[in-house]
Amino acid sequence: MIRDFLPKSLDLNDKAIMVTGGTGSFGKKFVATVLERYSPKRLIIYSRDELKQYEMEQMFPENKHPSIRFFIGDVRDRDRLMMAMREVDIVIHAAAMKHVPAAEYNPTECIRTNIGGAENVVRAALDCGVERVIALSTDKAANPINLYGASKLASDKVFISANNMSGSIGTRFSVVRYGNVMGSRGSVVPFFQKLIDEGAQTLPITDVRMTRFWITLQQGVDFVLSSLEMMRGGEVFVPRIPSMKITDIAEAMAPGTPHDIVGIRPGEKLHEVMVPVDDGRKTLKLDDRYIIEPAFAFWNREPYQNGGATPVPEEFCYSSDMNDEWLDAKGLQVFLDACQIDKAA
């Protein structure tokens, strides 16, 4: 069963919302969800790819969705961010350089986009008096072993510390961290499916021990919206989602097909971690998520505890190989069916 992360009372009606990197998979699903559930004053898609913006305009024509605005811009450009954020209430920061090998080969570009871009978003949000900012992170930011993960960890720190600078402006910044999106570009599921459709006699497996967290695209959007609803500023929100072994995915998708062990790629982990042990000491647990608290003097966990949150056990670590929730073949099919709905929407 797919966990429901729906917000309970979030009201985005008559709000001005901006999504950086808004032409990506998350941005398109986020925009579609917001338009379906709310009536925003403005919904700004900010990205640097004019072709993707053109294609997205065909999905959301102006005559049907007059609140949508398309802004060509780069998060490296603070002046352009300032122009785009004027009179904006909420910012969802999804823009990033995400490809692990590309980041390793082009480290300066990765740093400029993921870290410098984060700083620019923070400064523009403060200067424009934005109410709330949610930054999307990744499981690779926890105990990072590649530059992409390290740059996103630095980005997370930039957004969390920004709460100390908001003062009377009142802008609040929080981070959402989740794992692999089932069926997204670059994930193993469409890769396996392509090989299966082409009649492959074997499926490549990096390591038989490998495990991963999984979340659907709609779950990811709903998790961001529900985190936006409850955020107080400085938290890292982590969804409680299932794990699955890569070998089990291959077997469920192509029963009986032999596996070809190809070895772990550079910058890849055997298991993904979303709450490291050292963060566990300041982590709270709710029914559907973990909340990593900021180390701020002003922080008070009482409002979350009043809502049912409890501290996690000593030495707690939320890792894909030590999860208490696992997908079997039937559960995987439910996820895959949800992914087909996402694509059709």
C-alpha atoms as a PDB file:
ATOM      1  CA  MET A   1       0.000   0.000   0.000  1.00  0.00           C
ATOM      2  CA  ILE A   2       1.323   3.454  -0.934  1.00  0.00           C
ATOM      3  CA  ARG A   3       1.529   5.842   2.020  1.00  0.00           C
ATOM      4  CA  ASP A   4      -0.589   8.984   1.799  1.00  0.00           C
ATOM      5  CA  PHE A   5       1.357  12.220   2.401  1.00  0.00           C
ATOM      6  CA  LEU A   6      -1.572  14.537   1.606  1.00  0.00           C
ATOM      7  CA  PRO A   7      -1.580  17.878   3.476  1.00  0.00           C
ATOM      8  CA  LYS A   8      -4.499  18.255   5.852  1.00  0.00           C
ATOM      9  CA  SER A   9      -5.343  21.952   5.745  1.00  0.00           C
ATOM     10  CA  LEU A  10      -2.824  23.677   3.464  1.00  0.00           C
ATOM     11  CA  ASP A  11      -4.381  26.641   1.638  1.00  0.00           C
ATOM     12  CA  LEU A  12      -2.558  27.878  -1.462  1.00  0.00           C
ATOM     13  CA  ASN A  13      -5.496  29.784  -2.857  1.00  0.00           C
ATOM     14  CA  ASP A  14      -4.556  33.306  -3.922  1.00  0.00           C
ATOM     15  CA  LYS A  15      -0.879  32.619  -3.151  1.00  0.00           C
ATOM     16  CA  ALA A  16       2.015  33.477  -5.450  1.00  0.00           C
ATOM     17  CA  ILE A  17       4.207  30.381  -5.793  1.00  0.00           C
ATOM     18  CA  MET A  18       7.523  29.966  -7.592  1.00  0.00           C
ATOM     19  CA  VAL A  19       9.225  26.686  -8.539  1.00  0.00           C
ATOM     20  CA  THR A  20      12.898  26.793  -9.517  1.00  0.00           C
ATOM     21  CA  GLY A  21      13.813  24.020 -11.930  1.00  0.00           C
ATOM     22  CA  GLY A  22      10.096  23.923 -12.612  1.00  0.00           C
ATOM     23  CA  THR A  23      10.307  22.137 -15.964  1.00  0.00           C
ATOM     24  CA  GLY A  24      11.693  18.910 -14.472  1.00  0.00           C
ATOM     25  CA  SER A  25       9.666  15.826 -13.539  1.00  0.00           C
ATOM     26  CA  PHE A  26       8.944  17.130 -10.044  1.00  0.00           C
ATOM     27  CA  GLY A  27       8.077  20.619 -11.280  1.00  0.00           C
ATOM     28  CA  LYS A  28       5.561  19.391 -13.832  1.00  0.00           C
ATOM     29  CA  LYS A  29       3.841  17.125 -11.322  1.00  0.00           C
ATOM     30  CA  PHE A  30       3.902  19.849  -8.664  1.00  0.00           C
ATOM     31  CA  VAL A  31       2.338  22.389 -11.029  1.00  0.00           C
ATOM     32  CA  ALA A  32      -0.346  19.933 -12.152  1.00  0.00           C
ATOM     33  CA  THR A  33      -1.175  19.069  -8.528  1.00  0.00           C
ATOM     34  CA  VAL A  34      -1.377  22.683  -7.356  1.00  0.00           C
ATOM     35  CA  LEU A  35      -3.609  23.655 -10.292  1.00  0.00           C
ATOM     36  CA  GLU A  36      -5.882  20.695  -9.614  1.00  0.00           C
ATOM     37  CA  ARG A  37      -6.309  21.407  -5.894  1.00  0.00           C
ATOM     38  CA  TYR A  38      -5.942  25.169  -5.519  1.00  0.00           C
ATOM     39  CA  SER A  39      -6.433  28.507  -7.240  1.00  0.00           C
ATOM     40  CA  PRO A  40      -3.077  30.271  -6.888  1.00  0.00           C
ATOM     41  CA  LYS A  41      -2.694  33.941  -7.739  1.00  0.00           C
ATOM     42  CA  ARG A  42       0.492  33.190  -9.690  1.00  0.00           C
ATOM     43  CA  LEU A  43       2.429  29.994 -10.345  1.00  0.00           C
ATOM     44  CA  ILE A  44       5.899  30.811 -11.649  1.00  0.00           C
ATOM     45  CA  ILE A  45       7.974  28.187 -13.467  1.00  0.00           C
ATOM     46  CA  TYR A  46      11.605  29.335 -13.290  1.00  0.00           C
ATOM     47  CA  SER A  47      14.157  27.424 -15.375  1.00  0.00           C
ATOM     48  CA  ARG A  48      16.874  27.971 -17.963  1.00  0.00           C
ATOM     49  CA  ASP A  49      15.674  25.532 -20.665  1.00  0.00           C
ATOM     50  CA  GLU A  50      13.501  27.337 -23.202  1.00  0.00           C
ATOM     51  CA  LEU A  51      12.594  24.115 -25.046  1.00  0.00           C
ATOM     52  CA  LYS A  52      11.290  22.487 -21.868  1.00  0.00           C
ATOM     53  CA  GLN A  53       9.371  25.655 -21.063  1.00  0.00           C
ATOM     54  CA  TYR A  54       7.812  25.631 -24.534  1.00  0.00           C
ATOM     55  CA  GLU A  55       6.812  21.987 -24.115  1.00  0.00           C
ATOM     56  CA  MET A  56       5.372  22.698 -20.672  1.00  0.00           C
ATOM     57  CA  GLU A  57       3.366  25.613 -22.056  1.00  0.00           C
ATOM     58  CA  GLN A  58       1.601  23.120 -24.337  1.00  0.00           C
ATOM     59  CA  MET A  59       0.667  21.069 -21.268  1.00  0.00           C
ATOM     60  CA  PHE A  60      -0.686  24.101 -19.393  1.00  0.00           C
ATOM     61  CA  PRO A  61      -2.039  26.555 -22.008  1.00  0.00           C
ATOM     62  CA  GLU A  62      -2.503  30.150 -20.867  1.00  0.00           C
ATOM     63  CA  ASN A  63      -6.188  30.282 -21.803  1.00  0.00           C
ATOM     64  CA  LYS A  64      -6.909  27.450 -19.337  1.00  0.00           C
ATOM     65  CA  HIS A  65      -4.337  28.364 -16.683  1.00  0.00           C
ATOM     66  CA  PRO A  66      -3.977  32.154 -16.556  1.00  0.00           C
ATOM     67  CA  SER A  67      -2.071  32.040 -13.231  1.00  0.00           C
ATOM     68  CA  ILE A  68       0.993  30.378 -14.799  1.00  0.00           C
ATOM     69  CA  ARG A  69       4.085  32.438 -15.613  1.00  0.00           C
ATOM     70  CA  PHE A  70       7.204  31.146 -17.357  1.00  0.00           C
ATOM     71  CA  PHE A  71      10.495  32.808 -16.427  1.00  0.00           C
ATOM     72  CA  ILE A  72      13.716  31.974 -18.251  1.00  0.00           C
ATOM     73  CA  GLY A  73      16.467  32.219 -15.654  1.00  0.00           C
ATOM     74  CA  ASP A  74      19.318  30.467 -13.887  1.00  0.00           C
ATOM     75  CA  VAL A  75      19.676  30.097 -10.114  1.00  0.00           C
ATOM     76  CA  ARG A  76      23.249  31.295 -10.593  1.00  0.00           C
ATOM     77  CA  ASP A  77      21.820  34.701 -11.551  1.00  0.00           C
ATOM     78  CA  ARG A  78      20.777  36.481  -8.351  1.00  0.00           C
ATOM     79  CA  ASP A  79      19.441  39.569 -10.125  1.00  0.00           C
ATOM     80  CA  ARG A  80      17.112  37.478 -12.259  1.00  0.00           C
ATOM     81  CA  LEU A  81      15.966  35.550  -9.178  1.00  0.00           C
ATOM     82  CA  MET A  82      15.190  38.857  -7.489  1.00  0.00           C
ATOM     83  CA  MET A  83      13.008  39.917 -10.401  1.00  0.00           C
ATOM     84  CA  ALA A  84      11.190  36.575 -10.488  1.00  0.00           C
ATOM     85  CA  MET A  85      10.571  36.507  -6.709  1.00  0.00           C
ATOM     86  CA  ARG A  86       8.948  39.900  -6.368  1.00  0.00           C
ATOM     87  CA  GLU A  87       5.672  39.581  -4.420  1.00  0.00           C
ATOM     88  CA  VAL A  88       6.074  35.795  -4.198  1.00  0.00           C
ATOM     89  CA  ASP A  89       4.748  34.057  -1.078  1.00  0.00           C
ATOM     90  CA  ILE A  90       6.207  30.552  -1.435  1.00  0.00           C
ATOM     91  CA  VAL A  91       9.302  29.197  -3.188  1.00  0.00           C
ATOM     92  CA  ILE A  92       9.952  25.528  -3.958  1.00  0.00           C
ATOM     93  CA  HIS A  93      13.608  25.130  -4.868  1.00  0.00           C
ATOM     94  CA  ALA A  94      13.978  22.095  -7.151  1.00  0.00           C
ATOM     95  CA  ALA A  95      16.731  23.356  -9.489  1.00  0.00           C
ATOM     96  CA  ALA A  96      19.983  21.404  -9.235  1.00  0.00           C
ATOM     97  CA  MET A  97      22.707  19.715 -11.189  1.00  0.00           C
ATOM     98  CA  LYS A  98      21.792  16.101 -10.370  1.00  0.00           C
ATOM     99  CA  HIS A  99      23.771  13.780 -12.644  1.00  0.00           C
ATOM    100  CA  VAL A 100      26.463  12.121 -10.508  1.00  0.00           C
ATOM    101  CA  PRO A 101      29.059  11.429 -13.248  1.00  0.00           C
ATOM    102  CA  ALA A 102      28.537  14.893 -14.783  1.00  0.00           C
ATOM    103  CA  ALA A 103      29.125  16.475 -11.372  1.00  0.00           C
ATOM    104  CA  GLU A 104      32.325  14.480 -10.899  1.00  0.00           C
ATOM    105  CA  TYR A 105      33.605  15.541 -14.314  1.00  0.00           C
ATOM    106  CA  ASN A 106      32.463  19.180 -13.972  1.00  0.00           C
ATOM    107  CA  PRO A 107      32.884  19.919 -10.254  1.00  0.00           C
ATOM    108  CA  THR A 108      32.989  23.702 -10.521  1.00  0.00           C
ATOM    109  CA  GLU A 109      29.715  23.788 -12.448  1.00  0.00           C
ATOM    110  CA  CYS A 110      28.075  21.541  -9.865  1.00  0.00           C
ATOM    111  CA  ILE A 111      29.254  23.763  -7.005  1.00  0.00           C
ATOM    112  CA  ARG A 112      28.115  26.952  -8.739  1.00  0.00           C
ATOM    113  CA  THR A 113      24.640  25.581  -9.373  1.00  0.00           C
ATOM    114  CA  ASN A 114      23.958  23.554  -6.239  1.00  0.00           C
ATOM    115  CA  ILE A 115      25.728  25.666  -3.609  1.00  0.00           C
ATOM    116  CA  GLY A 116      25.996  29.109  -5.216  1.00  0.00           C
ATOM    117  CA  GLY A 117      22.444  28.711  -6.509  1.00  0.00           C
ATOM    118  CA  ALA A 118      21.212  27.886  -3.008  1.00  0.00           C
ATOM    119  CA  GLU A 119      22.837  31.046  -1.643  1.00  0.00           C
ATOM    120  CA  ASN A 120      21.222  33.115  -4.388  1.00  0.00           C
ATOM    121  CA  VAL A 121      17.774  31.661  -3.694  1.00  0.00           C
ATOM    122  CA  VAL A 122      18.173  32.417   0.030  1.00  0.00           C
ATOM    123  CA  ARG A 123      19.282  36.015  -0.537  1.00  0.00           C
ATOM    124  CA  ALA A 124      16.570  36.700  -3.105  1.00  0.00           C
ATOM    125  CA  ALA A 125      13.911  35.204  -0.799  1.00  0.00           C
ATOM    126  CA  LEU A 126      15.058  37.379   2.103  1.00  0.00           C
ATOM    127  CA  ASP A 127      15.288  40.530  -0.020  1.00  0.00           C
ATOM    128  CA  CYS A 128      11.813  39.905  -1.488  1.00  0.00           C
ATOM    129  CA  GLY A 129      10.160  38.991   1.823  1.00  0.00           C
ATOM    130  CA  VAL A 130       9.067  35.497   0.755  1.00  0.00           C
ATOM    131  CA  GLU A 131       7.061  33.739   3.491  1.00  0.00           C
ATOM    132  CA  ARG A 132       8.244  30.140   3.134  1.00  0.00           C
ATOM    133  CA  VAL A 133      10.922  28.297   1.176  1.00  0.00           C
ATOM    134  CA  ILE A 134      11.181  24.514   0.789  1.00  0.00           C
ATOM    135  CA  ALA A 135      14.379  23.161  -0.780  1.00  0.00           C
ATOM    136  CA  LEU A 136      14.450  19.686  -2.310  1.00  0.00           C
ATOM    137  CA  SER A 137      17.390  17.553  -1.247  1.00  0.00           C
ATOM    138  CA  THR A 138      18.414  13.933  -1.807  1.00  0.00           C
ATOM    139  CA  ASP A 139      19.381  10.836   0.150  1.00  0.00           C
ATOM    140  CA  LYS A 140      22.848  11.271  -1.379  1.00  0.00           C
ATOM    141  CA  ALA A 141      23.318  14.335   0.877  1.00  0.00           C
ATOM    142  CA  ALA A 142      23.468  12.080   3.957  1.00  0.00           C
ATOM    143  CA  ASN A 143      27.015  10.796   4.483  1.00  0.00           C
ATOM    144  CA  PRO A 144      27.915  11.847   0.911  1.00  0.00           C
ATOM    145  CA  ILE A 145      30.569  10.020  -1.091  1.00  0.00           C
ATOM    146  CA  ASN A 146      30.211  11.932  -4.380  1.00  0.00           C
ATOM    147  CA  LEU A 147      30.264  15.618  -5.256  1.00  0.00           C
ATOM    148  CA  TYR A 148      26.562  15.774  -6.052  1.00  0.00           C
ATOM    149  CA  GLY A 149      25.726  14.522  -2.546  1.00  0.00           C
ATOM    150  CA  ALA A 150      28.325  16.783  -0.942  1.00  0.00           C
ATOM    151  CA  SER A 151      27.039  19.830  -2.814  1.00  0.00           C
ATOM    152  CA  LYS A 152      23.462  19.067  -1.758  1.00  0.00           C
ATOM    153  CA  LEU A 153      24.557  18.656   1.858  1.00  0.00           C
ATOM    154  CA  ALA A 154      26.157  22.098   1.641  1.00  0.00           C
ATOM    155  CA  SER A 155      22.964  23.414   0.027  1.00  0.00           C
ATOM    156  CA  ASP A 156      20.889  21.947   2.875  1.00  0.00           C
ATOM    157  CA  LYS A 157      23.114  23.718   5.407  1.00  0.00           C
ATOM    158  CA  VAL A 158      22.705  27.008   3.531  1.00  0.00           C
ATOM    159  CA  PHE A 159      18.911  26.794   3.692  1.00  0.00           C
ATOM    160  CA  ILE A 160      18.791  25.654   7.311  1.00  0.00           C
ATOM    161  CA  SER A 161      21.146  28.410   8.513  1.00  0.00           C
ATOM    162  CA  ALA A 162      19.166  31.023   6.555  1.00  0.00           C
ATOM    163  CA  ASN A 163      16.550  30.947   9.323  1.00  0.00           C
ATOM    164  CA  ASN A 164      19.082  32.744  11.533  1.00  0.00           C
ATOM    165  CA  MET A 165      19.220  35.625   9.058  1.00  0.00           C
ATOM    166  CA  SER A 166      15.510  36.256   8.472  1.00  0.00           C
ATOM    167  CA  GLY A 167      15.001  38.392  11.580  1.00  0.00           C
ATOM    168  CA  SER A 168      11.960  40.644  11.326  1.00  0.00           C
ATOM    169  CA  ILE A 169      11.489  39.620   7.667  1.00  0.00           C
ATOM    170  CA  GLY A 170      10.145  36.318   8.973  1.00  0.00           C
ATOM    171  CA  THR A 171      11.062  34.130   5.998  1.00  0.00           C
ATOM    172  CA  ARG A 172      11.216  30.461   6.964  1.00  0.00           C
ATOM    173  CA  PHE A 173      13.385  27.857   5.220  1.00  0.00           C
ATOM    174  CA  SER A 174      13.147  24.058   5.437  1.00  0.00           C
ATOM    175  CA  VAL A 175      14.448  21.060   3.489  1.00  0.00           C
ATOM    176  CA  VAL A 176      12.784  17.922   2.144  1.00  0.00           C
ATOM    177  CA  ARG A 177      14.975  14.844   1.619  1.00  0.00           C
ATOM    178  CA  TYR A 178      13.767  11.684  -0.091  1.00  0.00           C
ATOM    179  CA  GLY A 179      15.069   8.709  -2.077  1.00  0.00           C
ATOM    180  CA  ASN A 180      14.749   7.343  -5.584  1.00  0.00           C
ATOM    181  CA  VAL A 181      11.610   8.312  -7.475  1.00  0.00           C
ATOM    182  CA  MET A 182      10.081   5.192  -8.979  1.00  0.00           C
ATOM    183  CA  GLY A 183       9.992   5.419 -12.766  1.00  0.00           C
ATOM    184  CA  SER A 184      11.795   8.756 -13.019  1.00  0.00           C
ATOM    185  CA  ARG A 185      14.436   9.387 -15.656  1.00  0.00           C
ATOM    186  CA  GLY A 186      17.682   7.700 -14.674  1.00  0.00           C
ATOM    187  CA  SER A 187      16.116   5.255 -12.213  1.00  0.00           C
ATOM    188  CA  VAL A 188      16.664   1.529 -12.608  1.00  0.00           C
ATOM    189  CA  VAL A 189      13.012   0.640 -13.310  1.00  0.00           C
ATOM    190  CA  PRO A 190      12.679   2.265 -16.775  1.00  0.00           C
ATOM    191  CA  PHE A 191      16.209   1.053 -17.557  1.00  0.00           C
ATOM    192  CA  PHE A 192      15.255  -2.549 -16.776  1.00  0.00           C
ATOM    193  CA  GLN A 193      11.975  -2.151 -18.670  1.00  0.00           C
ATOM    194  CA  LYS A 194      13.798  -0.918 -21.771  1.00  0.00           C
ATOM    195  CA  LEU A 195      16.114  -3.930 -21.684  1.00  0.00           C
ATOM    196  CA  ILE A 196      13.184  -6.296 -21.183  1.00  0.00           C
ATOM    197  CA  ASP A 197      11.274  -4.736 -24.091  1.00  0.00           C
ATOM    198  CA  GLU A 198      14.357  -5.165 -26.281  1.00  0.00           C
ATOM    199  CA  GLY A 199      14.497  -8.870 -25.451  1.00  0.00           C
ATOM    200  CA  ALA A 200      17.537  -8.852 -23.162  1.00  0.00           C
ATOM    201  CA  GLN A 201      18.593 -12.309 -21.983  1.00  0.00           C
ATOM    202  CA  THR A 202      20.201 -10.959 -18.790  1.00  0.00           C
ATOM    203  CA  LEU A 203      19.729  -7.909 -16.552  1.00  0.00           C
ATOM    204  CA  PRO A 204      22.780  -5.993 -15.249  1.00  0.00           C
ATOM    205  CA  ILE A 205      23.044  -5.853 -11.449  1.00  0.00           C
ATOM    206  CA  THR A 206      25.678  -3.689  -9.798  1.00  0.00           C
ATOM    207  CA  ASP A 207      25.771  -5.688  -6.546  1.00  0.00           C
ATOM    208  CA  VAL A 208      23.430  -8.365  -5.194  1.00  0.00           C
ATOM    209  CA  ARG A 209      23.406  -6.664  -1.762  1.00  0.00           C
ATOM    210  CA  MET A 210      22.268  -3.261  -3.052  1.00  0.00           C
ATOM    211  CA  THR A 211      19.092  -1.705  -1.618  1.00  0.00           C
ATOM    212  CA  ARG A 212      17.264   1.536  -2.326  1.00  0.00           C
ATOM    213  CA  PHE A 213      14.423   3.642  -0.903  1.00  0.00           C
ATOM    214  CA  TRP A 214      11.476   4.183  -3.263  1.00  0.00           C
ATOM    215  CA  ILE A 215       8.833   6.887  -3.574  1.00  0.00           C
ATOM    216  CA  THR A 216       6.383   7.773  -6.344  1.00  0.00           C
ATOM    217  CA  LEU A 217       6.392  11.178  -8.011  1.00  0.00           C
ATOM    218  CA  GLN A 218       2.949  12.037  -6.619  1.00  0.00           C
ATOM    219  CA  GLN A 219       4.080  11.002  -3.144  1.00  0.00           C
ATOM    220  CA  GLY A 220       7.074  13.301  -3.505  1.00  0.00           C
ATOM    221  CA  VAL A 221       4.865  16.252  -4.433  1.00  0.00           C
ATOM    222  CA  ASP A 222       2.398  15.528  -1.620  1.00  0.00           C
ATOM    223  CA  PHE A 223       5.252  15.179   0.851  1.00  0.00           C
ATOM    224  CA  VAL A 224       6.601  18.605  -0.127  1.00  0.00           C
ATOM    225  CA  LEU A 225       3.129  20.146   0.228  1.00  0.00           C
ATOM    226  CA  SER A 226       2.487  18.561   3.633  1.00  0.00           C
ATOM    227  CA  SER A 227       5.969  19.605   4.819  1.00  0.00           C
ATOM    228  CA  LEU A 228       5.219  23.133   3.615  1.00  0.00           C
ATOM    229  CA  GLU A 229       2.086  23.015   5.747  1.00  0.00           C
ATOM    230  CA  MET A 230       3.800  21.977   8.997  1.00  0.00           C
ATOM    231  CA  MET A 231       7.245  23.611   8.658  1.00  0.00           C
ATOM    232  CA  ARG A 232       8.460  25.999  11.344  1.00  0.00           C
ATOM    233  CA  GLY A 233      11.857  26.686   9.784  1.00  0.00           C
ATOM    234  CA  GLY A 234      15.110  24.747   9.932  1.00  0.00           C
ATOM    235  CA  GLU A 235      13.789  21.181   9.743  1.00  0.00           C
ATOM    236  CA  VAL A 236      14.855  18.467   7.330  1.00  0.00           C
ATOM    237  CA  PHE A 237      11.767  16.382   6.552  1.00  0.00           C
ATOM    238  CA  VAL A 238      12.355  12.737   5.597  1.00  0.00           C
ATOM    239  CA  PRO A 239       9.446  10.510   4.460  1.00  0.00           C
ATOM    240  CA  ARG A 240       8.987   7.007   5.798  1.00  0.00           C
ATOM    241  CA  ILE A 241       9.038   4.999   2.579  1.00  0.00           C
ATOM    242  CA  PRO A 242       9.779   1.373   1.655  1.00  0.00           C
ATOM    243  CA  SER A 243      13.033  -0.222   0.546  1.00  0.00           C
ATOM    244  CA  MET A 244      13.640  -2.916  -2.045  1.00  0.00           C
ATOM    245  CA  LYS A 245      16.651  -4.944  -3.100  1.00  0.00           C
ATOM    246  CA  ILE A 246      17.810  -4.344  -6.662  1.00  0.00           C
ATOM    247  CA  THR A 247      17.810  -8.111  -7.261  1.00  0.00           C
ATOM    248  CA  ASP A 248      14.171  -8.301  -6.124  1.00  0.00           C
ATOM    249  CA  ILE A 249      13.222  -5.523  -8.554  1.00  0.00           C
ATOM    250  CA  ALA A 250      14.909  -7.389 -11.418  1.00  0.00           C
ATOM    251  CA  GLU A 251      13.234 -10.676 -10.455  1.00  0.00           C
ATOM    252  CA  ALA A 252       9.790  -9.048 -10.103  1.00  0.00           C
ATOM    253  CA  MET A 253      10.062  -7.359 -13.496  1.00  0.00           C
ATOM    254  CA  ALA A 254      11.582 -10.329 -15.359  1.00  0.00           C
ATOM    255  CA  PRO A 255      11.087 -13.567 -13.397  1.00  0.00           C
ATOM    256  CA  GLY A 256      13.753 -16.150 -14.064  1.00  0.00           C
ATOM    257  CA  THR A 257      15.985 -13.856 -16.128  1.00  0.00           C
ATOM    258  CA  PRO A 258      19.671 -14.319 -15.182  1.00  0.00           C
ATOM    259  CA  HIS A 259      21.561 -11.416 -13.621  1.00  0.00           C
ATOM    260  CA  ASP A 260      24.875 -10.075 -14.884  1.00  0.00           C
ATOM    261  CA  ILE A 261      26.918  -8.606 -12.011  1.00  0.00           C
ATOM    262  CA  VAL A 262      28.615  -5.472 -13.376  1.00  0.00           C
ATOM    263  CA  GLY A 263      29.962  -3.862 -10.189  1.00  0.00           C
ATOM    264  CA  ILE A 264      29.195  -0.629  -8.356  1.00  0.00           C
ATOM    265  CA  ARG A 265      29.712   2.537 -10.381  1.00  0.00           C
ATOM    266  CA  PRO A 266      31.934   5.400  -9.166  1.00  0.00           C
ATOM    267  CA  GLY A 267      30.201   7.488  -6.498  1.00  0.00           C
ATOM    268  CA  GLU A 268      27.539   4.842  -5.848  1.00  0.00           C
ATOM    269  CA  LYS A 269      26.623   3.332  -2.462  1.00  0.00           C
ATOM    270  CA  LEU A 270      25.476  -0.160  -1.559  1.00  0.00           C
ATOM    271  CA  HIS A 271      22.717   1.285   0.615  1.00  0.00           C
ATOM    272  CA  GLU A 272      21.237   4.750   0.888  1.00  0.00           C
ATOM    273  CA  VAL A 273      20.952   6.649   4.171  1.00  0.00           C
ATOM    274  CA  MET A 274      18.453   9.421   4.838  1.00  0.00           C
ATOM    275  CA  VAL A 275      19.012   9.934   8.576  1.00  0.00           C
ATOM    276  CA  PRO A 276      22.636   9.261   9.623  1.00  0.00           C
ATOM    277  CA  VAL A 277      23.389   8.091  13.166  1.00  0.00           C
ATOM    278  CA  ASP A 278      24.798  11.470  14.161  1.00  0.00           C
ATOM    279  CA  ASP A 279      21.561  13.175  13.081  1.00  0.00           C
ATOM    280  CA  GLY A 280      19.481  10.606  14.947  1.00  0.00           C
ATOM    281  CA  ARG A 281      20.185  12.355  18.237  1.00  0.00           C
ATOM    282  CA  LYS A 282      18.058  15.273  17.091  1.00  0.00           C
ATOM    283  CA  THR A 283      15.411  13.422  15.080  1.00  0.00           C
ATOM    284  CA  LEU A 284      11.705  13.090  15.806  1.00  0.00           C
ATOM    285  CA  LYS A 285       9.377  10.437  14.407  1.00  0.00           C
ATOM    286  CA  LEU A 286       5.813  10.866  13.181  1.00  0.00           C
ATOM    287  CA  ASP A 287       3.604   8.181  11.618  1.00  0.00           C
ATOM    288  CA  ASP A 288       4.628   9.161   8.088  1.00  0.00           C
ATOM    289  CA  ARG A 289       7.975  10.963   8.422  1.00  0.00           C
ATOM    290  CA  TYR A 290      11.107  11.792  10.374  1.00  0.00           C
ATOM    291  CA  ILE A 291      11.995  15.366  11.287  1.00  0.00           C
ATOM    292  CA  ILE A 292      15.670  16.230  11.732  1.00  0.00           C
ATOM    293  CA  GLU A 293      15.696  19.243  14.035  1.00  0.00           C
ATOM    294  CA  PRO A 294      18.056  22.181  13.603  1.00  0.00           C
ATOM    295  CA  ALA A 295      20.676  22.907  16.245  1.00  0.00           C
ATOM    296  CA  PHE A 296      19.301  26.385  16.961  1.00  0.00           C
ATOM    297  CA  ALA A 297      19.061  28.037  20.360  1.00  0.00           C
ATOM    298  CA  PHE A 298      15.528  29.235  19.570  1.00  0.00           C
ATOM    299  CA  TRP A 299      14.311  25.792  18.496  1.00  0.00           C
ATOM    300  CA  ASN A 300      11.568  24.186  20.570  1.00  0.00           C
ATOM    301  CA  ARG A 301      10.385  20.678  19.738  1.00  0.00           C
ATOM    302  CA  GLU A 302       7.281  20.960  21.917  1.00  0.00           C
ATOM    303  CA  PRO A 303       4.838  21.855  19.084  1.00  0.00           C
ATOM    304  CA  TYR A 304       5.838  18.696  17.212  1.00  0.00           C
ATOM    305  CA  GLN A 305       5.661  16.573  20.357  1.00  0.00           C
ATOM    306  CA  ASN A 306       2.192  17.970  21.032  1.00  0.00           C
ATOM    307  CA  GLY A 307       1.319  16.681  17.563  1.00  0.00           C
ATOM    308  CA  GLY A 308       2.452  13.169  18.433  1.00  0.00           C
ATOM    309  CA  ALA A 309       6.147  13.276  17.431  1.00  0.00           C
ATOM    310  CA  THR A 310       8.529  11.190  19.546  1.00  0.00           C
ATOM    311  CA  PRO A 311      12.354  11.029  19.682  1.00  0.00           C
ATOM    312  CA  VAL A 312      13.877   8.110  17.792  1.00  0.00           C
ATOM    313  CA  PRO A 313      15.895   5.489  19.756  1.00  0.00           C
ATOM    314  CA  GLU A 314      19.552   5.978  20.608  1.00  0.00           C
ATOM    315  CA  GLU A 315      21.911   5.091  17.720  1.00  0.00           C
ATOM    316  CA  PHE A 316      19.017   5.338  15.236  1.00  0.00           C
ATOM    317  CA  CYS A 317      19.946   5.313  11.549  1.00  0.00           C
ATOM    318  CA  TYR A 318      17.440   5.378   8.703  1.00  0.00           C
ATOM    319  CA  SER A 319      19.140   3.311   6.030  1.00  0.00           C
ATOM    320  CA  SER A 320      17.637   1.427   3.082  1.00  0.00           C
ATOM    321  CA  ASP A 321      19.096  -1.895   4.298  1.00  0.00           C
ATOM    322  CA  MET A 322      17.771  -1.501   7.868  1.00  0.00           C
ATOM    323  CA  ASN A 323      14.284  -0.320   6.995  1.00  0.00           C
ATOM    324  CA  ASP A 324      11.197  -1.771   8.693  1.00  0.00           C
ATOM    325  CA  GLU A 325       9.140  -1.479   5.494  1.00  0.00           C
ATOM    326  CA  TRP A 326       9.954  -3.463   2.337  1.00  0.00           C
ATOM    327  CA  LEU A 327       8.415  -3.826  -1.107  1.00  0.00           C
ATOM    328  CA  ASP A 328       7.680  -7.282  -2.466  1.00  0.00           C
ATOM    329  CA  ALA A 329       6.729  -8.066  -6.075  1.00  0.00           C
ATOM    330  CA  LYS A 330       3.082  -7.181  -5.428  1.00  0.00           C
ATOM    331  CA  GLY A 331       4.014  -3.918  -3.724  1.00  0.00           C
ATOM    332  CA  LEU A 332       6.340  -3.033  -6.589  1.00  0.00           C
ATOM    333  CA  GLN A 333       3.483  -3.492  -9.049  1.00  0.00           C
ATOM    334  CA  VAL A 334       1.357  -1.047  -7.057  1.00  0.00           C
ATOM    335  CA  PHE A 335       4.182   1.496  -7.337  1.00  0.00           C
ATOM    336  CA  LEU A 336       4.590   0.832 -11.060  1.00  0.00           C
ATOM    337  CA  ASP A 337       0.846   1.270 -11.629  1.00  0.00           C
ATOM    338  CA  ALA A 338       1.046   4.609  -9.792  1.00  0.00           C
ATOM    339  CA  CYS A 339       3.942   5.622 -12.038  1.00  0.00           C
ATOM    340  CA  GLN A 340       1.842   4.898 -15.118  1.00  0.00           C
ATOM    341  CA  ILE A 341      -0.869   7.157 -13.704  1.00  0.00           C
ATOM    342  CA  ASP A 342       1.770   9.873 -13.163  1.00  0.00           C
ATOM    343  CA  LYS A 343       2.872   9.595 -16.797  1.00  0.00           C
ATOM    344  CA  ALA A 344      -0.694   9.710 -18.100  1.00  0.00           C
ATOM    345  CA  ALA A 345      -1.662  12.719 -16.016  1.00  0.00           C
END
